[in-house]
Amino acid sequence: MILPPGLLRTAPLHGETTLSLICRIASRYGLESKALRSCWHWRNHQPKHEGGACRADAEVLLNVAGRQLLSGLCGVEEGVLARALPSWGQEDAKLPAEESGVPAAAWRIGGGVAGPVAFGCRLCTARRTGTVVGVVRYAPLWSRVCVRHGRWLLDADADQPHEYLDVRHLPEMAAAQRRWSGVARRAVRAGAEPERVFALAHAVVARWWDQALRWERETIWPRRLHQVAGGDAGSEFEWWRVVGRDAVVFPEVVAVADALLDPGMAELVWVDSGAGRPRALPADGLFCRRLGELVGREWLGPLAATDHGGPLIAWMGSVIRQRRTAGGPAGYADDPWWVRREHQPVTMAGQLRMLGKEKRAPGSGRMWRASVSAEQRMLITREIESAEEQLHQLRGVQTGPTADVAEQLLGNLRHSAVLIENAWKRTALAAANAGVPLEEVARWADTPTETLRSMLTAGRQEDDG
């Protein structure tokens, strides 16, 4: 296909993927994007999701001749394209040598090229270009709010139909994005990389999000979640919890990032640790109590302080070690902004894949999902996961005086036992409420029927209370 160079000028948008620009050029010429892509010689296959749908976050890398061709098609100088397109100029081993003169392209996944990829706001694009078309851009989480149109722009790497969430009735979202600009400047002044500060705060709050179904006093996040779901998450509660997580927790992520950069907060950690006289971090410590207040949850302090094995406690440990070994050699474990792999939140795309596999699982699982409310299923799952995590911590990682180690081990075991007991009670209650005969449930639980009946009656009374 031969098109007149620069016949219709198509300017790139800042941070746009090269593939997104190619698709917009095709739209200007009234072509399907596949037809315009035939102008390049492709060296591999287009990335797709497991179900066969093309990935919205797909990206392309071009050789020299390929970049010259694109510049001619959109009527924009290569220097402008280089400043606007993050993938411009990146090379790929699949592309031919520069001297070949053949316009060539190689498919990649955007997240592996220049960072997180999100959908752009179609209304903003239409306002700037005069055409209502989809746009895909590289955009970190702290820049996802379209303040003008009240939209949270979603990740483009997941196989789901939405490009954005409506946050017009949540003014705290735009306020948090404006606040982040100041937090980022504060991080730079403190000698920290804003991206790493945000990543740690996001890990902390995402962990809270996973635990929040057990927090009876939590009312802020459920309200936001139902609002971004269009008023009521309803029967798709689990799905919306995945898709809406990053938007719903965004204000708290910014607040936590701001708090972790505050030297006064680090001083509270030092005081809680006993300063010059080391002691175990208390459940009613000053730092976690103050952190709970800063995120609008005065009751959160003890819950955060006793979440052993999480990213917040790891950050506190790094702060304490830095103070105690001031002037000594520092390792990566002493870097307060280092987020361990096990603490990194699962992405929306990853969670949706797991959720899809659960729904496709054969057998009684589908009957279970149809009979038991989403809230109950999530509570049971979270309690089991918490118990597993508590048990994982017992694998020889405790050090210190024998009495202290024994106390911590027994405390973790006791907590795990309580979580497991709560999980099986909730499972039994959910099965009975779904219509499974009590005798059958008692056989599964290896418990006498009358004993189980008494336990479930008490459980219903507690839930009603």
Protein backbone atom coordinates (compact mmCIF):
# COMPACT_ATOMS: atom_id res chain seq x y z
CA MET A 1 0.00 0.00 0.00
CA ILE A 2 1.35 3.43 -0.99
CA LEU A 3 -0.02 6.56 0.68
CA PRO A 4 0.91 10.18 -0.11
CA PRO A 5 3.46 11.20 2.56
CA GLY A 6 2.05 13.66 5.07
CA LEU A 7 -1.28 14.07 3.23
CA LEU A 8 -3.12 14.17 6.56
CA ARG A 9 -1.01 15.35 9.48
CA THR A 10 -1.45 13.29 12.66
CA ALA A 11 0.44 14.65 15.64
CA PRO A 12 1.55 12.24 18.36
CA LEU A 13 0.27 12.57 21.92
CA HIS A 14 2.79 12.74 24.74
CA GLY A 15 3.58 9.27 26.04
CA GLU A 16 1.59 7.52 23.32
CA THR A 17 2.55 4.06 22.15
CA THR A 18 3.80 3.81 18.59
CA LEU A 19 1.06 1.30 17.79
CA SER A 20 -1.58 3.74 19.07
CA LEU A 21 -0.24 6.42 16.72
CA ILE A 22 -0.28 4.00 13.78
CA CYS A 23 -3.92 3.15 14.55
CA ARG A 24 -4.85 6.84 14.66
CA ILE A 25 -3.08 7.46 11.34
CA ALA A 26 -5.06 4.60 9.80
CA SER A 27 -8.28 6.13 11.14
CA ARG A 28 -7.42 9.50 9.53
CA TYR A 29 -7.00 7.77 6.16
CA GLY A 30 -10.19 5.75 6.62
CA LEU A 31 -8.27 2.47 6.79
CA GLU A 32 -8.25 -0.46 9.13
CA SER A 33 -5.07 -0.47 11.20
CA LYS A 34 -4.18 -3.89 9.79
CA ALA A 35 -4.17 -2.43 6.28
CA LEU A 36 -1.81 0.40 7.24
CA ARG A 37 0.47 -1.98 9.13
CA SER A 38 1.10 -3.81 5.86
CA CYS A 39 3.44 -0.91 4.98
CA TRP A 40 6.02 -2.49 7.30
CA HIS A 41 7.66 -5.89 7.17
CA TRP A 42 6.76 -7.60 10.46
CA ARG A 43 9.31 -9.86 12.12
CA ASN A 44 7.05 -11.62 14.65
CA HIS A 45 3.41 -12.11 15.58
CA GLN A 46 1.09 -9.66 17.29
CA PRO A 47 0.75 -10.32 21.06
CA LYS A 48 -2.62 -11.69 22.14
CA HIS A 49 -4.39 -12.69 25.33
CA GLU A 50 -5.02 -16.33 26.21
CA GLY A 51 -8.48 -16.16 24.67
CA GLY A 52 -7.12 -14.89 21.35
CA ALA A 53 -8.02 -11.20 21.69
CA CYS A 54 -5.36 -8.73 20.59
CA ARG A 55 -3.62 -6.97 23.46
CA ALA A 56 -4.39 -3.26 23.78
CA ASP A 57 -0.95 -2.73 25.34
CA ALA A 58 0.90 -4.16 22.34
CA GLU A 59 3.79 -2.00 21.13
CA VAL A 60 5.94 -1.91 18.03
CA LEU A 61 9.62 -1.13 17.55
CA LEU A 62 10.77 0.19 14.19
CA ASN A 63 14.09 0.17 12.41
CA VAL A 64 15.49 3.33 10.81
CA ALA A 65 13.58 2.88 7.54
CA GLY A 66 10.44 2.04 9.48
CA ARG A 67 10.71 5.22 11.55
CA GLN A 68 11.25 7.30 8.43
CA LEU A 69 8.13 5.76 6.90
CA LEU A 70 6.04 6.53 9.98
CA SER A 71 7.31 10.11 10.06
CA GLY A 72 6.25 10.54 6.45
CA LEU A 73 2.81 9.02 6.97
CA CYS A 74 1.91 11.25 9.90
CA GLY A 75 3.63 14.36 8.49
CA VAL A 76 5.61 14.99 11.67
CA GLU A 77 9.38 15.38 12.00
CA GLU A 78 11.28 12.51 13.56
CA GLY A 79 12.58 14.76 16.33
CA VAL A 80 9.01 15.49 17.45
CA LEU A 81 8.15 11.80 17.37
CA ALA A 82 11.26 10.97 19.39
CA ARG A 83 10.19 13.36 22.16
CA ALA A 84 6.57 12.16 22.21
CA LEU A 85 6.86 8.39 21.76
CA PRO A 86 8.74 6.57 24.59
CA SER A 87 9.47 3.57 22.35
CA TRP A 88 10.96 5.66 19.54
CA GLY A 89 14.53 4.69 18.74
CA GLN A 90 14.56 1.49 20.78
CA GLU A 91 16.14 -1.38 18.92
CA ASP A 92 15.24 -5.04 18.66
CA ALA A 93 17.40 -7.98 17.60
CA LYS A 94 14.62 -9.13 15.26
CA LEU A 95 14.91 -5.98 13.15
CA PRO A 96 17.22 -5.97 10.10
CA ALA A 97 20.38 -3.91 9.90
CA GLU A 98 20.04 -0.18 9.21
CA GLU A 99 21.53 -0.44 5.75
CA SER A 100 18.82 -2.82 4.50
CA GLY A 101 16.46 0.06 3.73
CA VAL A 102 13.42 -2.17 4.36
CA PRO A 103 10.79 -0.62 6.69
CA ALA A 104 10.55 -3.28 9.38
CA ALA A 105 8.76 -3.62 12.69
CA ALA A 106 8.75 -5.98 15.65
CA TRP A 107 5.93 -6.57 18.11
CA ARG A 108 6.52 -6.11 21.81
CA ILE A 109 4.40 -5.75 24.96
CA GLY A 110 4.35 -2.16 26.13
CA GLY A 111 5.00 -2.91 29.78
CA GLY A 112 8.36 -4.37 28.84
CA VAL A 113 9.35 -1.37 26.74
CA ALA A 114 8.77 1.80 28.73
CA GLY A 115 6.64 1.08 31.79
CA PRO A 116 2.93 0.80 32.65
CA VAL A 117 0.52 1.24 29.77
CA ALA A 118 -2.97 2.71 30.18
CA PHE A 119 -5.86 3.83 28.03
CA GLY A 120 -6.06 7.51 27.23
CA CYS A 121 -9.15 9.67 27.72
CA ARG A 122 -11.14 9.64 24.47
CA LEU A 123 -12.78 12.96 25.33
CA CYS A 124 -9.41 14.66 25.78
CA THR A 125 -8.19 13.10 22.55
CA ALA A 126 -11.26 14.35 20.69
CA ARG A 127 -10.78 17.82 22.15
CA ARG A 128 -7.19 17.93 20.89
CA THR A 129 -7.44 16.07 17.59
CA GLY A 130 -11.08 16.52 16.60
CA THR A 131 -11.50 12.75 16.27
CA VAL A 132 -13.05 10.36 18.80
CA VAL A 133 -10.64 7.43 18.74
CA GLY A 134 -9.00 5.23 21.32
CA VAL A 135 -5.51 6.07 22.53
CA VAL A 136 -3.03 4.02 24.54
CA ARG A 137 -0.30 5.79 26.51
CA TYR A 138 2.49 5.04 28.93
CA ALA A 139 1.20 6.35 32.26
CA PRO A 140 2.18 5.50 35.86
CA LEU A 141 -0.57 5.06 38.44
CA TRP A 142 -0.08 8.51 39.93
CA SER A 143 -1.18 10.17 36.67
CA ARG A 144 -4.32 8.16 35.91
CA VAL A 145 -6.97 10.73 36.85
CA CYS A 146 -8.36 12.81 33.98
CA VAL A 147 -9.31 15.82 36.09
CA ARG A 148 -11.21 17.53 33.26
CA HIS A 149 -13.60 14.63 32.68
CA GLY A 150 -13.49 12.82 36.03
CA ARG A 151 -12.11 9.52 34.78
CA TRP A 152 -9.66 7.03 36.20
CA LEU A 153 -7.80 5.55 33.21
CA LEU A 154 -7.33 1.81 33.50
CA ASP A 155 -4.38 -0.44 32.70
CA ALA A 156 -4.36 -1.51 29.06
CA ASP A 157 -2.70 -4.87 29.71
CA ALA A 158 -5.80 -6.72 30.96
CA ASP A 159 -8.38 -8.58 28.91
CA GLN A 160 -11.43 -6.58 30.04
CA PRO A 161 -13.77 -4.16 28.22
CA HIS A 162 -13.48 -0.93 30.23
CA GLU A 163 -11.08 1.91 29.41
CA TYR A 164 -11.86 4.03 32.47
CA LEU A 165 -13.81 4.29 35.72
CA ASP A 166 -16.12 7.19 36.44
CA VAL A 167 -14.75 9.14 39.43
CA ARG A 168 -16.64 12.42 38.89
CA HIS A 169 -18.32 12.05 42.28
CA LEU A 170 -15.07 11.30 44.08
CA PRO A 171 -13.26 14.64 44.37
CA GLU A 172 -10.59 13.05 46.56
CA MET A 173 -9.18 11.33 43.46
CA ALA A 174 -8.20 14.53 41.66
CA ALA A 175 -7.06 16.02 44.96
CA ALA A 176 -4.74 13.05 45.53
CA GLN A 177 -3.22 13.44 42.07
CA ARG A 178 -2.54 17.11 42.72
CA ARG A 179 -1.09 16.22 46.11
CA TRP A 180 1.25 13.66 44.56
CA SER A 181 3.12 16.37 42.65
CA GLY A 182 4.24 17.87 45.96
CA VAL A 183 5.04 14.45 47.43
CA ALA A 184 7.23 13.65 44.41
CA ARG A 185 9.16 16.91 44.85
CA ARG A 186 9.58 16.10 48.53
CA ALA A 187 10.96 12.67 47.64
CA VAL A 188 13.56 14.21 45.33
CA ARG A 189 14.64 16.64 48.05
CA ALA A 190 15.00 13.68 50.42
CA GLY A 191 17.23 11.85 47.92
CA ALA A 192 14.63 9.20 47.09
CA GLU A 193 13.21 8.25 43.70
CA PRO A 194 9.50 9.18 43.57
CA GLU A 195 8.70 6.02 41.60
CA ARG A 196 10.11 3.81 44.37
CA VAL A 197 8.37 5.76 47.11
CA PHE A 198 5.05 5.36 45.32
CA ALA A 199 5.69 1.65 44.70
CA LEU A 200 6.27 1.03 48.41
CA ALA A 201 3.19 3.02 49.46
CA HIS A 202 1.13 1.17 46.86
CA ALA A 203 2.35 -2.18 48.19
CA VAL A 204 1.42 -1.17 51.75
CA VAL A 205 -2.08 -0.01 50.85
CA ALA A 206 -2.75 -2.88 48.42
CA ARG A 207 -2.03 -5.26 51.30
CA TRP A 208 -4.52 -3.37 53.44
CA TRP A 209 -7.01 -3.70 50.60
CA ASP A 210 -6.59 -7.47 50.64
CA GLN A 211 -7.28 -7.51 54.38
CA ALA A 212 -10.08 -4.93 54.38
CA LEU A 213 -12.92 -7.42 53.95
CA ARG A 214 -12.31 -8.44 57.58
CA TRP A 215 -12.33 -4.83 58.80
CA GLU A 216 -15.82 -4.21 60.13
CA ARG A 217 -15.10 -0.50 60.61
CA GLU A 218 -13.95 0.08 57.02
CA THR A 219 -16.58 2.16 55.20
CA ILE A 220 -14.60 4.43 52.86
CA TRP A 221 -13.39 1.86 50.34
CA PRO A 222 -16.73 0.01 49.97
CA ARG A 223 -18.44 3.34 49.22
CA ARG A 224 -15.85 4.26 46.58
CA LEU A 225 -15.91 0.79 45.03
CA HIS A 226 -19.66 0.81 44.53
CA GLN A 227 -19.47 4.31 43.05
CA VAL A 228 -16.81 3.41 40.44
CA ALA A 229 -18.86 0.29 39.64
CA GLY A 230 -21.76 2.49 38.61
CA GLY A 231 -23.57 2.55 41.94
CA ASP A 232 -23.50 -1.10 42.97
CA ALA A 233 -20.91 -3.82 42.35
CA GLY A 234 -23.71 -6.36 42.81
CA SER A 235 -23.11 -9.92 41.68
CA GLU A 236 -19.79 -8.92 40.10
CA PHE A 237 -18.33 -7.88 43.45
CA GLU A 238 -15.11 -9.89 43.09
CA TRP A 239 -14.52 -8.63 39.55
CA TRP A 240 -15.01 -5.01 40.56
CA ARG A 241 -12.70 -5.44 43.54
CA VAL A 242 -9.96 -6.37 41.07
CA VAL A 243 -10.68 -3.72 38.45
CA GLY A 244 -11.37 -0.94 40.94
CA ARG A 245 -8.57 -1.54 43.45
CA ASP A 246 -5.93 0.89 42.19
CA ALA A 247 -8.46 3.68 41.75
CA VAL A 248 -10.22 3.16 45.06
CA VAL A 249 -7.02 3.10 47.15
CA PHE A 250 -5.23 5.90 45.29
CA PRO A 251 -5.86 8.68 47.86
CA GLU A 252 -4.54 6.46 50.66
CA VAL A 253 -1.46 5.51 48.61
CA VAL A 254 -0.52 9.17 48.22
CA ALA A 255 -1.17 9.81 51.92
CA VAL A 256 1.04 6.88 52.94
CA ALA A 257 3.81 7.96 50.56
CA ASP A 258 3.72 11.43 52.10
CA ALA A 259 3.85 9.97 55.61
CA LEU A 260 6.78 7.65 54.88
CA LEU A 261 8.82 10.62 53.64
CA ASP A 262 8.22 12.58 56.86
CA PRO A 263 11.31 12.53 59.13
CA GLY A 264 8.96 12.96 62.08
CA MET A 265 7.25 9.68 61.23
CA ALA A 266 10.63 7.93 61.00
CA GLU A 267 11.41 9.31 64.46
CA LEU A 268 8.20 7.72 65.79
CA VAL A 269 9.37 4.37 64.42
CA TRP A 270 12.67 4.83 66.25
CA VAL A 271 10.86 5.63 69.49
CA ASP A 272 8.55 2.61 69.09
CA SER A 273 11.59 0.37 68.65
CA GLY A 274 13.01 1.46 72.01
CA ALA A 275 15.63 3.72 70.41
CA GLY A 276 18.87 2.88 72.21
CA ARG A 277 17.19 0.07 74.16
CA PRO A 278 15.82 -2.31 71.51
CA ARG A 279 12.40 -3.87 72.02
CA ALA A 280 9.70 -5.51 69.93
CA LEU A 281 7.46 -3.09 68.06
CA PRO A 282 4.28 -2.62 70.11
CA ALA A 283 0.76 -3.11 68.77
CA ASP A 284 -0.18 0.37 70.04
CA GLY A 285 2.93 2.12 68.70
CA LEU A 286 2.99 5.81 67.99
CA PHE A 287 3.93 5.41 64.32
CA CYS A 288 1.10 3.09 63.24
CA ARG A 289 -1.40 5.02 65.33
CA ARG A 290 -0.42 8.25 63.60
CA LEU A 291 -0.40 6.56 60.18
CA GLY A 292 -3.96 5.38 60.76
CA GLU A 293 -5.00 8.94 61.56
CA LEU A 294 -3.35 10.27 58.40
CA VAL A 295 -5.39 7.91 56.21
CA GLY A 296 -8.62 8.74 58.04
CA ARG A 297 -8.82 5.51 60.05
CA GLU A 298 -7.96 6.06 63.71
CA TRP A 299 -8.69 2.38 64.40
CA LEU A 300 -6.16 1.06 61.85
CA GLY A 301 -3.00 1.44 63.95
CA PRO A 302 -3.07 -1.89 65.85
CA LEU A 303 -4.01 -3.82 62.70
CA ALA A 304 -1.10 -2.34 60.73
CA ALA A 305 1.34 -2.82 63.63
CA THR A 306 0.58 -6.54 63.97
CA ASP A 307 0.72 -7.32 60.24
CA HIS A 308 4.07 -9.08 60.51
CA GLY A 309 5.66 -10.01 57.22
CA GLY A 310 4.17 -7.10 55.28
CA PRO A 311 5.87 -4.21 53.44
CA LEU A 312 5.09 -1.66 56.16
CA ILE A 313 6.86 -3.64 58.88
CA ALA A 314 9.74 -4.25 56.43
CA TRP A 315 10.03 -0.47 55.90
CA MET A 316 10.01 0.13 59.64
CA GLY A 317 12.74 -2.48 60.08
CA SER A 318 14.89 -0.74 57.46
CA VAL A 319 14.47 2.61 59.19
CA ILE A 320 15.47 1.08 62.53
CA ARG A 321 18.50 -0.70 61.07
CA GLN A 322 19.68 2.49 59.41
CA ARG A 323 19.55 4.35 62.72
CA ARG A 324 21.33 1.59 64.62
CA THR A 325 24.07 1.08 62.04
CA ALA A 326 24.55 4.71 61.04
CA GLY A 327 27.82 5.10 59.17
CA GLY A 328 28.20 1.40 58.42
CA PRO A 329 27.91 -0.30 55.01
CA ALA A 330 24.31 -0.51 53.77
CA GLY A 331 22.90 -3.42 51.84
CA TYR A 332 19.76 -3.60 49.71
CA ALA A 333 17.85 -5.03 52.69
CA ASP A 334 18.51 -1.73 54.50
CA ASP A 335 17.08 0.31 51.63
CA PRO A 336 13.72 1.53 52.99
CA TRP A 337 12.27 1.90 49.49
CA TRP A 338 13.07 -1.63 48.36
CA VAL A 339 9.88 -3.65 47.83
CA ARG A 340 10.50 -7.37 48.12
CA ARG A 341 9.06 -9.53 45.39
CA GLU A 342 6.60 -11.20 47.76
CA HIS A 343 5.29 -7.77 48.77
CA GLN A 344 4.65 -6.53 45.23
CA PRO A 345 0.89 -6.38 44.53
CA VAL A 346 -0.55 -8.63 41.86
CA THR A 347 -1.54 -6.54 38.86
CA MET A 348 -5.11 -6.18 37.67
CA ALA A 349 -4.32 -8.35 34.64
CA GLY A 350 -2.86 -11.08 36.84
CA GLN A 351 -5.82 -11.05 39.21
CA LEU A 352 -8.32 -11.20 36.35
CA ARG A 353 -6.52 -14.20 34.88
CA MET A 354 -6.71 -16.01 38.23
CA LEU A 355 -10.35 -15.05 38.62
CA GLY A 356 -11.10 -16.36 35.14
CA LYS A 357 -9.40 -19.67 35.86
CA GLU A 358 -11.44 -20.06 39.05
CA LYS A 359 -14.67 -19.49 37.13
CA ARG A 360 -13.66 -22.03 34.47
CA ALA A 361 -12.73 -24.67 37.05
CA PRO A 362 -14.82 -27.81 36.54
CA GLY A 363 -17.01 -29.47 39.17
CA SER A 364 -18.77 -28.13 42.21
CA GLY A 365 -16.78 -24.89 42.27
CA ARG A 366 -19.25 -23.30 39.89
CA MET A 367 -22.17 -24.35 42.10
CA TRP A 368 -20.33 -22.92 45.08
CA ARG A 369 -19.78 -19.58 43.36
CA ALA A 370 -23.43 -19.42 42.31
CA SER A 371 -24.74 -20.24 45.79
CA VAL A 372 -22.41 -18.29 48.10
CA SER A 373 -22.26 -14.50 48.17
CA ALA A 374 -19.16 -12.80 46.83
CA GLU A 375 -18.46 -11.17 50.18
CA GLN A 376 -18.47 -14.54 51.97
CA ARG A 377 -16.23 -16.15 49.35
CA MET A 378 -13.74 -13.32 49.61
CA LEU A 379 -13.71 -13.46 53.41
CA ILE A 380 -13.04 -17.19 53.38
CA THR A 381 -10.29 -16.86 50.79
CA ARG A 382 -8.56 -14.02 52.64
CA GLU A 383 -8.62 -15.88 55.97
CA ILE A 384 -7.01 -18.94 54.37
CA GLU A 385 -4.38 -16.79 52.66
CA SER A 386 -3.62 -15.01 55.94
CA ALA A 387 -3.22 -18.33 57.73
CA GLU A 388 -0.86 -19.58 55.02
CA GLU A 389 1.21 -16.41 55.30
CA GLN A 390 1.43 -16.69 59.09
CA LEU A 391 2.60 -20.30 58.80
CA HIS A 392 5.12 -19.34 56.11
CA GLN A 393 6.76 -16.97 58.57
CA LEU A 394 7.58 -19.86 60.89
CA ARG A 395 10.18 -21.31 58.52
CA GLY A 396 13.25 -20.48 60.55
CA VAL A 397 13.34 -16.74 59.98
CA GLN A 398 13.05 -15.77 63.66
CA THR A 399 16.18 -14.85 65.55
CA GLY A 400 16.78 -13.55 69.03
CA PRO A 401 16.49 -14.75 72.64
CA THR A 402 14.83 -18.15 72.95
CA ALA A 403 11.92 -16.85 75.02
CA ASP A 404 11.15 -14.09 72.51
CA VAL A 405 11.33 -16.48 69.56
CA ALA A 406 9.11 -19.02 71.29
CA GLU A 407 6.58 -16.33 72.15
CA GLN A 408 6.47 -15.12 68.54
CA LEU A 409 6.18 -18.67 67.15
CA LEU A 410 3.35 -19.59 69.49
CA GLY A 411 1.60 -16.30 68.81
CA ASN A 412 1.77 -16.84 65.05
CA LEU A 413 0.57 -20.44 65.38
CA ARG A 414 -2.32 -19.38 67.59
CA HIS A 415 -3.29 -16.66 65.13
CA SER A 416 -3.08 -19.13 62.20
CA ALA A 417 -5.27 -21.61 64.05
CA VAL A 418 -7.90 -18.94 64.68
CA LEU A 419 -7.86 -17.91 61.00
CA ILE A 420 -8.19 -21.50 59.80
CA GLU A 421 -11.03 -22.18 62.25
CA ASN A 422 -12.83 -19.04 61.12
CA ALA A 423 -12.38 -20.07 57.48
CA TRP A 424 -13.86 -23.54 57.91
CA LYS A 425 -16.74 -22.20 60.01
CA ARG A 426 -17.58 -19.64 57.34
CA THR A 427 -17.32 -22.34 54.66
CA ALA A 428 -19.64 -24.65 56.58
CA LEU A 429 -22.12 -21.83 57.23
CA ALA A 430 -22.06 -20.77 53.58
CA ALA A 431 -22.64 -24.37 52.44
CA ALA A 432 -25.57 -24.78 54.87
CA ASN A 433 -27.08 -21.46 53.77
CA ALA A 434 -26.73 -22.58 50.15
CA GLY A 435 -28.98 -25.58 50.85
CA VAL A 436 -26.50 -28.39 51.50
CA PRO A 437 -27.97 -30.78 54.12
CA LEU A 438 -26.42 -30.21 57.54
CA GLU A 439 -25.57 -33.91 57.88
CA GLU A 440 -23.52 -33.70 54.69
CA VAL A 441 -21.71 -30.58 55.88
CA ALA A 442 -21.00 -32.28 59.23
CA ARG A 443 -19.48 -35.26 57.41
CA TRP A 444 -17.22 -32.96 55.35
CA ALA A 445 -16.13 -31.12 58.51
CA ASP A 446 -15.69 -34.35 60.49
CA THR A 447 -17.85 -32.84 63.25
CA PRO A 448 -20.98 -34.21 64.98
CA THR A 449 -24.15 -32.77 63.48
CA GLU A 450 -25.44 -31.32 66.75
CA THR A 451 -22.09 -29.70 67.52
CA LEU A 452 -22.00 -28.18 64.05
CA ARG A 453 -25.60 -26.96 64.38
CA SER A 454 -24.74 -25.16 67.62
CA MET A 455 -21.63 -23.59 66.10
CA LEU A 456 -23.47 -22.40 63.00
CA THR A 457 -26.33 -20.99 65.06
CA ALA A 458 -23.80 -19.01 67.08
CA GLY A 459 -22.12 -17.90 63.88
CA ARG A 460 -25.39 -16.61 62.42
CA GLN A 461 -26.07 -14.69 65.62
CA GLU A 462 -22.59 -13.08 65.46
CA ASP A 463 -23.08 -12.12 61.82
CA ASP A 464 -26.51 -10.62 62.58
CA GLY A 465 -25.05 -8.70 65.49
